[in-house]
C-alpha cells in the first residue's frame, strides 16, 4: 500500500509505541496507541489522506493485532 511519507510515519509511530508497551507487558499503554492508530485512520479517511480501501485494510490489520494480543 502506498501512503504519503507523513501519513506512513504517523501511523507507524502509533504501532511502534504499541509494540514497545506490549514488549514490556504494559497492555493498557499499548491499547492507548492502538486506539490512537484507529483514530488516526478515521481522521485520515475523512481528510482524504487515505482512501476507503486503504482505511479498511489498515483497520482489518488492527483487528488482527487486537485479536492476537487478546484485546
Protein backbone atom coordinates (compact mmCIF):
# COMPACT_ATOMS: atom_id res chain seq x y z
CA UNK A 1 0.00 0.00 0.00
CA UNK A 2 1.38 3.39 -0.92
CA UNK A 3 0.92 6.12 1.67
CA UNK A 4 2.43 9.57 1.86
CA UNK A 5 5.55 9.73 3.98
CA UNK A 6 3.82 11.83 6.66
CA UNK A 7 0.82 9.50 6.91
CA UNK A 8 3.04 6.44 6.97
CA UNK A 9 5.25 7.92 9.68
CA UNK A 10 2.30 8.94 11.87
CA UNK A 11 0.67 5.52 11.67
CA UNK A 12 3.98 3.72 12.18
CA UNK A 13 4.70 5.75 15.28
CA UNK A 14 1.41 4.65 16.88
CA UNK A 15 2.13 0.99 16.09
CA UNK A 16 5.77 1.18 17.20
CA UNK A 17 4.72 2.70 20.51
CA UNK A 18 2.15 -0.07 20.99
CA UNK A 19 4.83 -2.69 20.30
CA UNK A 20 7.08 -1.14 22.94
CA UNK A 21 4.31 -1.32 25.51
CA UNK A 22 3.46 -4.92 24.59
CA UNK A 23 7.13 -5.89 24.90
CA UNK A 24 7.11 -4.56 28.46
CA UNK A 25 3.78 -6.29 29.20
CA UNK A 26 2.02 -2.95 29.62
CA UNK A 27 -1.16 -3.69 27.73
CA UNK A 28 -3.04 -0.56 28.81
CA UNK A 29 -0.37 1.63 27.21
CA UNK A 30 -0.45 -0.50 24.08
CA UNK A 31 -4.23 -0.18 23.86
CA UNK A 32 -3.97 3.61 24.03
CA UNK A 33 -1.70 3.62 20.98
CA UNK A 34 -3.82 1.08 19.10
CA UNK A 35 -6.85 3.30 19.72
CA UNK A 36 -4.78 6.26 18.54
CA UNK A 37 -3.97 4.34 15.38
CA UNK A 38 -7.67 3.71 14.73
CA UNK A 39 -8.49 7.37 15.39
CA UNK A 40 -5.74 8.49 13.02
CA UNK A 41 -7.01 6.16 10.30
CA UNK A 42 -10.52 7.61 10.61
CA UNK A 43 -9.22 11.20 10.57
CA UNK A 44 -7.03 10.48 7.54
CA UNK A 45 -10.00 8.93 5.75
CA UNK A 46 -12.17 11.98 6.49
CA UNK A 47 -9.44 14.34 5.28
CA UNK A 48 -8.74 12.31 2.12
CA UNK A 49 -5.24 11.28 3.19
CA UNK A 50 -6.45 7.67 2.90
CA UNK A 51 -8.88 6.01 0.53
CA UNK A 52 -11.73 3.89 1.86
CA UNK A 53 -9.88 0.81 0.66
CA UNK A 54 -6.68 1.80 2.48
CA UNK A 55 -8.56 2.63 5.67
CA UNK A 56 -10.41 -0.70 5.56
CA UNK A 57 -7.18 -2.62 5.05
CA UNK A 58 -5.48 -0.82 7.92
CA UNK A 59 -8.42 -1.33 10.28
CA UNK A 60 -8.61 -5.03 9.38
CA UNK A 61 -4.93 -5.33 10.23
CA UNK A 62 -5.58 -3.57 13.52
CA UNK A 63 -8.36 -6.05 14.33
CA UNK A 64 -5.92 -8.90 13.71
CA UNK A 65 -3.37 -7.33 16.06
CA UNK A 66 -6.01 -6.79 18.73
CA UNK A 67 -7.25 -10.35 18.39
CA UNK A 68 -3.75 -11.78 18.63
CA UNK A 69 -2.98 -9.61 21.66
CA UNK A 70 -6.21 -10.60 23.38
CA UNK A 71 -7.60 -7.09 23.39
